[in-house]
Amino acid sequence: MPDATLCASYQAYGLWAKCRPDKAFTPHPAVVRHA
């Protein structure tokens, strides 16, 4: 699985901190700025 998929999963769990806030991976920039 690509990191992009894992990043989306982490975002849902709020553990996206492990995944760098990248617009290329995150379709929702608003969610990335959550933390």
PDB file of N, CA and C in Angstrom:
ATOM      1  N   MET A   1       0.844  -1.207   0.000  1.00  0.00           N
ATOM      2  CA  MET A   1       0.000   0.000   0.000  1.00  0.00           C
ATOM      3  C   MET A   1       0.880   1.258   0.000  1.00  0.00           C
ATOM      4  N   PRO A   2       0.514   2.231  -0.785  1.00  0.00           N
ATOM      5  CA  PRO A   2       1.277   3.488  -0.843  1.00  0.00           C
ATOM      6  C   PRO A   2       1.111   4.285   0.439  1.00  0.00           C
ATOM      7  N   ASP A   3       2.088   5.141   0.718  1.00  0.00           N
ATOM      8  CA  ASP A   3       2.019   5.949   1.937  1.00  0.00           C
ATOM      9  C   ASP A   3       0.769   6.822   1.936  1.00  0.00           C
ATOM     10  N   ALA A   4       0.324   7.187   0.754  1.00  0.00           N
ATOM     11  CA  ALA A   4      -0.858   8.050   0.648  1.00  0.00           C
ATOM     12  C   ALA A   4      -2.063   7.375   1.294  1.00  0.00           C
ATOM     13  N   THR A   5      -2.178   6.064   1.098  1.00  0.00           N
ATOM     14  CA  THR A   5      -3.305   5.331   1.678  1.00  0.00           C
ATOM     15  C   THR A   5      -3.170   5.280   3.193  1.00  0.00           C
ATOM     16  N   LEU A   6      -1.961   5.044   3.659  1.00  0.00           N
ATOM     17  CA  LEU A   6      -1.726   4.970   5.098  1.00  0.00           C
ATOM     18  C   LEU A   6      -1.984   6.325   5.735  1.00  0.00           C
ATOM     19  N   CYS A   7      -1.577   7.368   5.051  1.00  0.00           N
ATOM     20  CA  CYS A   7      -1.768   8.723   5.569  1.00  0.00           C
ATOM     21  C   CYS A   7      -3.252   8.990   5.786  1.00  0.00           C
ATOM     22  N   ALA A   8      -4.072   8.566   4.849  1.00  0.00           N
ATOM     23  CA  ALA A   8      -5.519   8.776   4.952  1.00  0.00           C
ATOM     24  C   ALA A   8      -6.067   8.017   6.154  1.00  0.00           C
ATOM     25  N   SER A   9      -5.546   6.819   6.373  1.00  0.00           N
ATOM     26  CA  SER A   9      -6.015   6.003   7.499  1.00  0.00           C
ATOM     27  C   SER A   9      -5.610   6.659   8.813  1.00  0.00           C
ATOM     28  N   TYR A  10      -4.369   7.142   8.878  1.00  0.00           N
ATOM     29  CA  TYR A  10      -3.887   7.787  10.096  1.00  0.00           C
ATOM     30  C   TYR A  10      -4.701   9.045  10.377  1.00  0.00           C
ATOM     31  N   GLN A  11      -5.062   9.757   9.314  1.00  0.00           N
ATOM     32  CA  GLN A  11      -5.843  10.986   9.486  1.00  0.00           C
ATOM     33  C   GLN A  11      -7.152  10.682  10.188  1.00  0.00           C
ATOM     34  N   ALA A  12      -7.784   9.590   9.792  1.00  0.00           N
ATOM     35  CA  ALA A  12      -9.066   9.210  10.381  1.00  0.00           C
ATOM     36  C   ALA A  12      -8.889   8.894  11.865  1.00  0.00           C
ATOM     37  N   TYR A  13      -7.735   8.335  12.206  1.00  0.00           N
ATOM     38  CA  TYR A  13      -7.483   7.972  13.602  1.00  0.00           C
ATOM     39  C   TYR A  13      -6.859   9.128  14.368  1.00  0.00           C
ATOM     40  N   GLY A  14      -6.536  10.194  13.654  1.00  0.00           N
ATOM     41  CA  GLY A  14      -5.933  11.339  14.325  1.00  0.00           C
ATOM     42  C   GLY A  14      -4.452  11.095  14.569  1.00  0.00           C
ATOM     43  N   LEU A  15      -3.919  10.041  13.953  1.00  0.00           N
ATOM     44  CA  LEU A  15      -2.496   9.740  14.134  1.00  0.00           C
ATOM     45  C   LEU A  15      -1.716  10.150  12.899  1.00  0.00           C
ATOM     46  N   TRP A  16      -2.320  11.048  12.122  1.00  0.00           N
ATOM     47  CA  TRP A  16      -1.679  11.480  10.883  1.00  0.00           C
ATOM     48  C   TRP A  16      -0.361  12.176  11.171  1.00  0.00           C
ATOM     49  N   ALA A  17      -0.090  12.425  12.452  1.00  0.00           N
ATOM     50  CA  ALA A  17       1.155  13.089  12.831  1.00  0.00           C
ATOM     51  C   ALA A  17       2.338  12.316  12.255  1.00  0.00           C
ATOM     52  N   LYS A  18       2.170  10.995  12.141  1.00  0.00           N
ATOM     53  CA  LYS A  18       3.248  10.172  11.575  1.00  0.00           C
ATOM     54  C   LYS A  18       3.423  10.478  10.095  1.00  0.00           C
ATOM     55  N   CYS A  19       2.336  10.910   9.474  1.00  0.00           N
ATOM     56  CA  CYS A  19       2.398  11.234   8.045  1.00  0.00           C
ATOM     57  C   CYS A  19       2.521  12.743   7.877  1.00  0.00           C
ATOM     58  N   ARG A  20       3.548  13.165   7.181  1.00  0.00           N
ATOM     59  CA  ARG A  20       3.769  14.597   7.002  1.00  0.00           C
ATOM     60  C   ARG A  20       2.598  15.239   6.264  1.00  0.00           C
ATOM     61  N   PRO A  21       2.167  16.408   6.686  1.00  0.00           N
ATOM     62  CA  PRO A  21       1.054  17.116   6.034  1.00  0.00           C
ATOM     63  C   PRO A  21       1.414  17.530   4.617  1.00  0.00           C
ATOM     64  N   ASP A  22       1.172  16.671   3.670  1.00  0.00           N
ATOM     65  CA  ASP A  22       1.520  16.962   2.274  1.00  0.00           C
ATOM     66  C   ASP A  22       0.248  17.092   1.448  1.00  0.00           C
ATOM     67  N   LYS A  23       0.128  18.160   0.703  1.00  0.00           N
ATOM     68  CA  LYS A  23      -1.067  18.353  -0.119  1.00  0.00           C
ATOM     69  C   LYS A  23      -1.173  17.244  -1.161  1.00  0.00           C
ATOM     70  N   ALA A  24      -0.036  16.659  -1.519  1.00  0.00           N
ATOM     71  CA  ALA A  24      -0.039  15.598  -2.525  1.00  0.00           C
ATOM     72  C   ALA A  24      -0.698  14.340  -1.955  1.00  0.00           C
ATOM     73  N   PHE A  25      -0.589  14.159  -0.635  1.00  0.00           N
ATOM     74  CA  PHE A  25      -1.155  12.969  -0.001  1.00  0.00           C
ATOM     75  C   PHE A  25      -2.512  13.268   0.612  1.00  0.00           C
ATOM     76  N   THR A  26      -2.683  14.498   1.106  1.00  0.00           N
ATOM     77  CA  THR A  26      -3.927  14.859   1.786  1.00  0.00           C
ATOM     78  C   THR A  26      -4.867  15.600   0.848  1.00  0.00           C
ATOM     79  N   PRO A  27      -6.006  15.019   0.540  1.00  0.00           N
ATOM     80  CA  PRO A  27      -6.998  15.646  -0.326  1.00  0.00           C
ATOM     81  C   PRO A  27      -7.734  16.771   0.401  1.00  0.00           C
ATOM     82  N   HIS A  28      -7.634  16.787   1.736  1.00  0.00           N
ATOM     83  CA  HIS A  28      -8.306  17.819   2.525  1.00  0.00           C
ATOM     84  C   HIS A  28      -7.281  18.643   3.292  1.00  0.00           C
ATOM     85  N   PRO A  29      -6.836  19.756   2.731  1.00  0.00           N
ATOM     86  CA  PRO A  29      -5.840  20.606   3.393  1.00  0.00           C
ATOM     87  C   PRO A  29      -6.348  21.127   4.732  1.00  0.00           C
ATOM     88  N   ALA A  30      -7.663  21.280   4.860  1.00  0.00           N
ATOM     89  CA  ALA A  30      -8.242  21.787   6.109  1.00  0.00           C
ATOM     90  C   ALA A  30      -7.988  20.791   7.235  1.00  0.00           C
ATOM     91  N   VAL A  31      -8.062  19.504   6.921  1.00  0.00           N
ATOM     92  CA  VAL A  31      -7.861  18.470   7.930  1.00  0.00           C
ATOM     93  C   VAL A  31      -6.398  18.429   8.340  1.00  0.00           C
ATOM     94  N   VAL A  32      -5.523  18.707   7.403  1.00  0.00           N
ATOM     95  CA  VAL A  32      -4.087  18.669   7.678  1.00  0.00           C
ATOM     96  C   VAL A  32      -3.722  19.731   8.698  1.00  0.00           C
ATOM     97  N   ARG A  33      -4.395  20.863   8.618  1.00  0.00           N
ATOM     98  CA  ARG A  33      -4.107  21.969   9.538  1.00  0.00           C
ATOM     99  C   ARG A  33      -4.805  21.762  10.883  1.00  0.00           C
ATOM    100  N   HIS A  34      -5.455  20.620  11.045  1.00  0.00           N
ATOM    101  CA  HIS A  34      -6.199  20.352  12.288  1.00  0.00           C
ATOM    102  C   HIS A  34      -5.257  20.362  13.473  1.00  0.00           C
ATOM    103  N   ALA A  35      -4.057  19.771  13.286  1.00  0.00           N
ATOM    104  CA  ALA A  35      -3.090  19.711  14.380  1.00  0.00           C
ATOM    105  C   ALA A  35      -2.187  20.923  14.274  1.00  0.00           C
TER     106      ALA A  35
END
